Amino acid sequence: MDAIYDGGSYNFYYAALCAGEPNVQPRRDSLNNHTVPTCYFDAGDTVLVGGYSNLTPYINFLDLAGSRQVPEIDLSVSLTYNAKGTITVDVSATLNTFINLAPDRPSVPAGVTQGNLMTEYTYTSSTTDPEEDQLWYRWSWGDGDTTLWLGPYESGAEASASHSWSEAGDYYIKVQAKDENDAESFWSGIKFTHFEGLPYICGDANSDETVNISDAVYIINYVFVGGTTPDPLEAGDANCDATVNVSDAVWIINYVFVGGNAPCDSNGDTDPDC
């Protein structure tokens, strides 16, 4: 052990009964020498009985002790050599329990500050965990809707979630994080947003809350055979020309089948134009 300690590759403390000490030698002689020396590694978690001229067994046990995951502790050890070869060992340990720290407060959600109703918008945020635990996020959208915990994400990685609003007004978006031990962060700062417009999806002529070929058929029926009017009428104005006609049906067909611009996105910048 002394040779390993002198090598400087291992940072550890050890106590030994020294053969050269006259007060210690009688105590050594009284022991069963078959088991001397006996080494106790990592507070006795591992014991190596008997001595070896080869350093490998000791190094292996030191490596094993160093790889153990143990809670942080405040440890104090003192050794006092007394008369007649006795030693007093005083050990004090505190905080010998695992203390899990909550993630840091997430960043204020990033995303649009204003937009249209019935349009899904994506927001992002991130934070870190003191122990580098994986993280889950939940989002409060300001309209009474809060997501389930979404994840996991690596500590520091960007998290995202999407939402749409159905009523015009001001909304306050915030996000919270928790780690794999369920320690929750404080809520993030507030993202102020405002959404307005009619509660419909542009291009959703038949009001089934999605845009597909059936909406094009609905508009064709309305234009050519007197079918039911889109409700509201503006929902059928896919190309933003302020009227509903066959060109709106063609716009939807291009969007659905050939990847054309979305309904109401006349310039292709992903923001509705009408």
Protein backbone atom coordinates (compact mmCIF):
# COMPACT_ATOMS: atom_id res chain seq x y z
CA MET A 1 0.00 0.00 0.00
CA ASP A 2 2.86 2.35 0.80
CA ALA A 3 4.40 1.74 -2.63
CA ILE A 4 1.10 2.50 -4.34
CA TYR A 5 0.60 5.60 -2.21
CA ASP A 6 4.11 6.86 -3.04
CA GLY A 7 3.43 6.31 -6.73
CA GLY A 8 1.03 9.28 -6.66
CA SER A 9 -1.54 7.75 -9.03
CA TYR A 10 -4.11 7.11 -6.30
CA ASN A 11 -5.48 9.73 -3.94
CA PHE A 12 -6.33 7.92 -0.71
CA TYR A 13 -5.56 7.81 3.00
CA TYR A 14 -4.52 4.73 4.93
CA ALA A 15 -3.54 3.78 8.45
CA ALA A 16 -1.16 0.94 9.28
CA LEU A 17 0.37 -0.72 12.29
CA CYS A 18 4.04 0.08 11.78
CA ALA A 19 6.48 -2.76 12.37
CA GLY A 20 9.20 -0.34 13.39
CA GLU A 21 7.26 1.12 16.32
CA PRO A 22 8.29 -0.64 19.59
CA ASN A 23 4.89 -0.09 21.19
CA VAL A 24 3.10 -1.51 18.17
CA GLN A 25 5.17 -4.64 17.65
CA PRO A 26 3.82 -6.53 20.71
CA ARG A 27 0.27 -5.90 19.48
CA ARG A 28 1.18 -7.23 16.04
CA ASP A 29 2.77 -10.31 17.55
CA SER A 30 -0.43 -11.08 19.49
CA LEU A 31 -2.49 -11.29 16.28
CA ASN A 32 -2.98 -14.32 14.07
CA ASN A 33 -0.30 -13.61 11.50
CA HIS A 34 -2.09 -15.72 8.93
CA THR A 35 -4.50 -12.85 8.44
CA VAL A 36 -1.99 -10.03 8.80
CA PRO A 37 -2.02 -7.72 7.03
CA THR A 38 -5.72 -7.31 6.30
CA CYS A 39 -6.73 -4.29 4.22
CA TYR A 40 -10.14 -2.66 4.46
CA PHE A 41 -11.05 -0.69 1.36
CA ASP A 42 -13.73 1.97 1.13
CA ALA A 43 -14.71 1.88 4.81
CA GLY A 44 -14.82 -1.91 4.81
CA ASP A 45 -16.99 -2.31 1.72
CA THR A 46 -14.26 -4.59 0.38
CA VAL A 47 -11.73 -6.56 2.46
CA LEU A 48 -8.46 -8.09 1.30
CA VAL A 49 -7.18 -10.67 3.78
CA GLY A 50 -3.49 -11.49 3.88
CA GLY A 51 -0.53 -9.81 2.26
CA TYR A 52 0.61 -9.95 -1.36
CA SER A 53 3.96 -9.04 -2.83
CA ASN A 54 2.20 -8.23 -6.12
CA LEU A 55 0.61 -4.76 -6.19
CA THR A 56 -2.17 -5.81 -8.59
CA PRO A 57 -4.73 -7.06 -5.98
CA TYR A 58 -4.44 -3.81 -4.05
CA ILE A 59 -4.70 -1.68 -7.20
CA ASN A 60 -7.76 -3.63 -8.35
CA PHE A 61 -9.54 -3.02 -5.04
CA LEU A 62 -8.61 0.65 -5.08
CA ASP A 63 -10.08 0.94 -8.58
CA LEU A 64 -13.24 -0.82 -7.40
CA ALA A 65 -13.55 1.52 -4.43
CA GLY A 66 -13.07 4.56 -6.67
CA SER A 67 -15.80 3.45 -9.06
CA ARG A 68 -18.49 3.10 -6.39
CA GLN A 69 -21.25 5.70 -6.52
CA VAL A 70 -21.79 7.03 -3.01
CA PRO A 71 -23.50 10.17 -1.72
CA GLU A 72 -21.34 13.14 -0.91
CA ILE A 73 -20.37 13.24 2.76
CA ASP A 74 -18.43 15.50 5.07
CA LEU A 75 -15.90 13.09 6.55
CA SER A 76 -13.39 13.73 9.31
CA VAL A 77 -10.94 11.07 10.52
CA SER A 78 -8.29 11.51 13.21
CA LEU A 79 -5.79 8.97 14.55
CA THR A 80 -4.15 9.28 17.97
CA TYR A 81 -1.27 7.04 19.02
CA ASN A 82 -1.62 6.24 22.71
CA ALA A 83 0.67 4.57 25.16
CA LYS A 84 1.27 0.82 24.93
CA GLY A 85 0.75 0.67 21.20
CA THR A 86 -2.97 1.55 21.09
CA ILE A 87 -4.58 3.83 18.57
CA THR A 88 -7.69 5.95 18.99
CA VAL A 89 -9.61 6.54 15.76
CA ASP A 90 -12.22 9.31 15.70
CA VAL A 91 -14.55 9.36 12.70
CA SER A 92 -17.23 11.97 12.03
CA ALA A 93 -19.53 11.82 8.99
CA THR A 94 -22.41 14.12 8.13
CA LEU A 95 -24.72 14.51 5.13
CA ASN A 96 -24.37 10.82 4.40
CA THR A 97 -27.58 10.86 2.38
CA PHE A 98 -28.29 11.51 -1.28
CA ILE A 99 -29.40 15.10 -1.84
CA ASN A 100 -30.96 15.62 -5.24
CA LEU A 101 -31.01 19.21 -6.45
CA ALA A 102 -33.84 20.48 -8.61
CA PRO A 103 -33.17 21.67 -12.16
CA ASP A 104 -32.44 25.34 -12.70
CA ARG A 105 -35.30 27.62 -13.72
CA PRO A 106 -36.01 27.15 -17.47
CA SER A 107 -35.48 30.02 -19.86
CA VAL A 108 -38.44 32.15 -20.89
CA PRO A 109 -40.21 30.31 -23.75
CA ALA A 110 -39.06 31.46 -27.19
CA GLY A 111 -41.60 31.81 -29.99
CA VAL A 112 -44.04 34.22 -31.61
CA THR A 113 -45.59 36.97 -29.51
CA GLN A 114 -48.68 37.33 -31.67
CA GLY A 115 -50.53 35.19 -34.16
CA ASN A 116 -53.81 33.83 -35.46
CA LEU A 117 -56.37 31.63 -33.82
CA MET A 118 -56.60 27.93 -34.68
CA THR A 119 -52.99 27.99 -35.86
CA GLU A 120 -50.41 25.83 -34.09
CA TYR A 121 -47.25 27.59 -32.89
CA THR A 122 -44.10 26.02 -31.46
CA TYR A 123 -42.22 27.34 -28.42
CA THR A 124 -38.83 26.31 -27.07
CA SER A 125 -36.99 26.49 -23.75
CA SER A 126 -34.10 24.80 -21.98
CA THR A 127 -32.42 24.45 -18.62
CA THR A 128 -29.71 22.41 -16.90
CA ASP A 129 -29.69 20.00 -13.99
CA PRO A 130 -26.95 20.17 -11.30
CA GLU A 131 -26.49 16.37 -11.48
CA GLU A 132 -26.85 16.27 -15.29
CA ASP A 133 -30.04 14.21 -14.92
CA GLN A 134 -32.40 13.86 -17.85
CA LEU A 135 -35.23 16.37 -17.81
CA TRP A 136 -38.95 16.54 -18.55
CA TYR A 137 -40.90 19.74 -19.27
CA ARG A 138 -44.52 20.78 -18.90
CA TRP A 139 -45.99 23.84 -20.56
CA SER A 140 -48.73 26.13 -19.34
CA TRP A 141 -50.39 27.90 -22.28
CA GLY A 142 -52.34 30.52 -20.37
CA ASP A 143 -55.73 29.25 -21.55
CA GLY A 144 -56.22 26.70 -18.77
CA ASP A 145 -54.37 23.98 -20.68
CA THR A 146 -51.16 22.53 -19.24
CA THR A 147 -49.32 19.67 -20.94
CA LEU A 148 -48.26 16.43 -19.37
CA TRP A 149 -44.55 16.05 -18.61
CA LEU A 150 -42.81 15.83 -22.00
CA GLY A 151 -39.39 14.22 -22.38
CA PRO A 152 -36.89 13.06 -21.61
CA TYR A 153 -34.35 15.64 -22.78
CA GLU A 154 -30.67 15.75 -21.92
CA SER A 155 -29.62 18.44 -19.47
CA GLY A 156 -29.08 21.65 -21.44
CA ALA A 157 -30.88 20.41 -24.57
CA GLU A 158 -33.62 22.51 -26.13
CA ALA A 159 -37.17 21.34 -25.44
CA SER A 160 -40.16 22.27 -27.59
CA ALA A 161 -43.95 22.03 -27.59
CA SER A 162 -46.75 23.30 -29.83
CA HIS A 163 -50.17 24.73 -29.13
CA SER A 164 -53.04 26.62 -30.75
CA TRP A 165 -55.59 28.99 -29.25
CA SER A 166 -59.31 29.17 -30.07
CA GLU A 167 -60.30 32.48 -28.49
CA ALA A 168 -58.87 35.93 -29.14
CA GLY A 169 -56.95 37.48 -26.26
CA ASP A 170 -53.72 37.82 -24.35
CA TYR A 171 -52.00 34.69 -23.08
CA TYR A 172 -49.07 34.09 -20.75
CA ILE A 173 -46.92 31.06 -21.57
CA LYS A 174 -44.56 29.48 -19.05
CA VAL A 175 -42.68 26.20 -18.65
CA GLN A 176 -41.41 24.07 -15.77
CA ALA A 177 -38.81 21.28 -15.65
CA LYS A 178 -38.30 18.23 -13.46
CA ASP A 179 -35.50 15.68 -13.27
CA GLU A 180 -35.59 11.88 -13.20
CA ASN A 181 -35.97 11.99 -9.41
CA ASP A 182 -39.10 14.18 -9.72
CA ALA A 183 -37.42 17.29 -8.32
CA GLU A 184 -39.24 20.23 -9.93
CA SER A 185 -37.77 23.56 -10.95
CA PHE A 186 -39.40 26.93 -10.46
CA TRP A 187 -41.64 28.00 -13.31
CA SER A 188 -39.93 30.00 -16.01
CA GLY A 189 -40.52 33.66 -16.63
CA ILE A 190 -43.63 34.60 -18.59
CA LYS A 191 -43.87 34.82 -22.38
CA PHE A 192 -46.54 37.38 -23.28
CA THR A 193 -48.54 36.53 -26.41
CA HIS A 194 -51.61 37.80 -28.21
CA PHE A 195 -53.79 35.86 -30.63
CA GLU A 196 -56.70 37.15 -32.67
CA GLY A 197 -58.87 36.35 -35.66
CA LEU A 198 -61.85 34.20 -36.46
CA PRO A 199 -61.84 30.74 -34.86
CA TYR A 200 -61.46 28.71 -38.04
CA ILE A 201 -58.74 26.93 -39.98
CA CYS A 202 -58.09 28.47 -43.37
CA GLY A 203 -58.97 25.95 -46.09
CA ASP A 204 -61.11 23.85 -43.76
CA ALA A 205 -64.26 24.42 -45.79
CA ASN A 206 -66.19 21.51 -44.25
CA SER A 207 -65.25 22.38 -40.63
CA ASP A 208 -63.75 18.99 -39.76
CA GLU A 209 -60.66 20.71 -38.26
CA THR A 210 -58.27 19.50 -40.94
CA VAL A 211 -57.43 20.49 -44.52
CA ASN A 212 -57.58 17.69 -47.08
CA ILE A 213 -59.10 16.76 -50.43
CA SER A 214 -62.61 16.70 -48.94
CA ASP A 215 -62.38 20.48 -48.50
CA ALA A 216 -61.63 20.93 -52.20
CA VAL A 217 -64.63 18.74 -53.05
CA TYR A 218 -66.76 20.77 -50.61
CA ILE A 219 -65.82 24.03 -52.36
CA ILE A 220 -66.48 22.55 -55.82
CA ASN A 221 -69.93 21.41 -54.68
CA TYR A 222 -70.60 24.87 -53.24
CA VAL A 223 -69.49 26.68 -56.42
CA PHE A 224 -70.98 24.43 -59.11
CA VAL A 225 -73.99 22.59 -57.67
CA GLY A 226 -75.18 24.90 -54.90
CA GLY A 227 -73.77 22.88 -52.03
CA THR A 228 -73.55 24.11 -48.45
CA THR A 229 -71.63 27.36 -47.92
CA PRO A 230 -68.35 27.04 -45.99
CA ASP A 231 -68.90 28.18 -42.38
CA PRO A 232 -67.53 30.75 -42.06
CA LEU A 233 -67.21 31.63 -45.72
CA GLU A 234 -63.66 32.91 -45.15
CA ALA A 235 -62.55 29.37 -44.34
CA GLY A 236 -62.96 28.50 -48.02
CA ASP A 237 -60.86 31.45 -49.27
CA ALA A 238 -57.65 29.44 -49.51
CA ASN A 239 -55.81 31.83 -51.87
CA CYS A 240 -56.72 35.09 -50.07
CA ASP A 241 -58.48 36.73 -53.03
CA ALA A 242 -61.50 37.64 -50.88
CA THR A 243 -63.84 35.26 -52.70
CA VAL A 244 -64.54 31.54 -52.70
CA ASN A 245 -64.35 29.90 -56.13
CA VAL A 246 -62.77 26.99 -57.96
CA SER A 247 -59.31 28.52 -57.64
CA ASP A 248 -59.52 27.89 -53.88
CA ALA A 249 -60.23 24.22 -54.55
CA VAL A 250 -57.19 24.09 -56.87
CA TRP A 251 -55.07 25.76 -54.17
CA ILE A 252 -56.05 23.09 -51.64
CA ILE A 253 -55.38 20.28 -54.13
CA ASN A 254 -51.88 21.68 -54.80
CA TYR A 255 -51.25 21.94 -51.05
CA VAL A 256 -52.42 18.40 -50.31
CA PHE A 257 -50.90 16.53 -53.26
CA VAL A 258 -47.87 18.47 -54.55
CA GLY A 259 -46.64 20.37 -51.50
CA GLY A 260 -47.90 23.80 -52.49
CA ASN A 261 -48.26 26.71 -50.06
CA ALA A 262 -50.65 26.18 -47.18
CA PRO A 263 -54.10 27.76 -47.41
CA CYS A 264 -53.97 31.52 -46.71
CA ASP A 265 -50.16 31.51 -47.06
CA SER A 266 -50.03 33.25 -50.40
CA ASN A 267 -46.32 34.14 -50.25
CA GLY A 268 -45.00 30.89 -48.75
CA ASP A 269 -43.50 32.37 -45.58
CA THR A 270 -45.62 30.07 -43.33
CA ASP A 271 -47.51 33.06 -41.87
CA PRO A 272 -51.20 33.40 -42.83
CA ASP A 273 -51.88 36.37 -45.12
CA CYS A 274 -55.65 36.56 -44.76
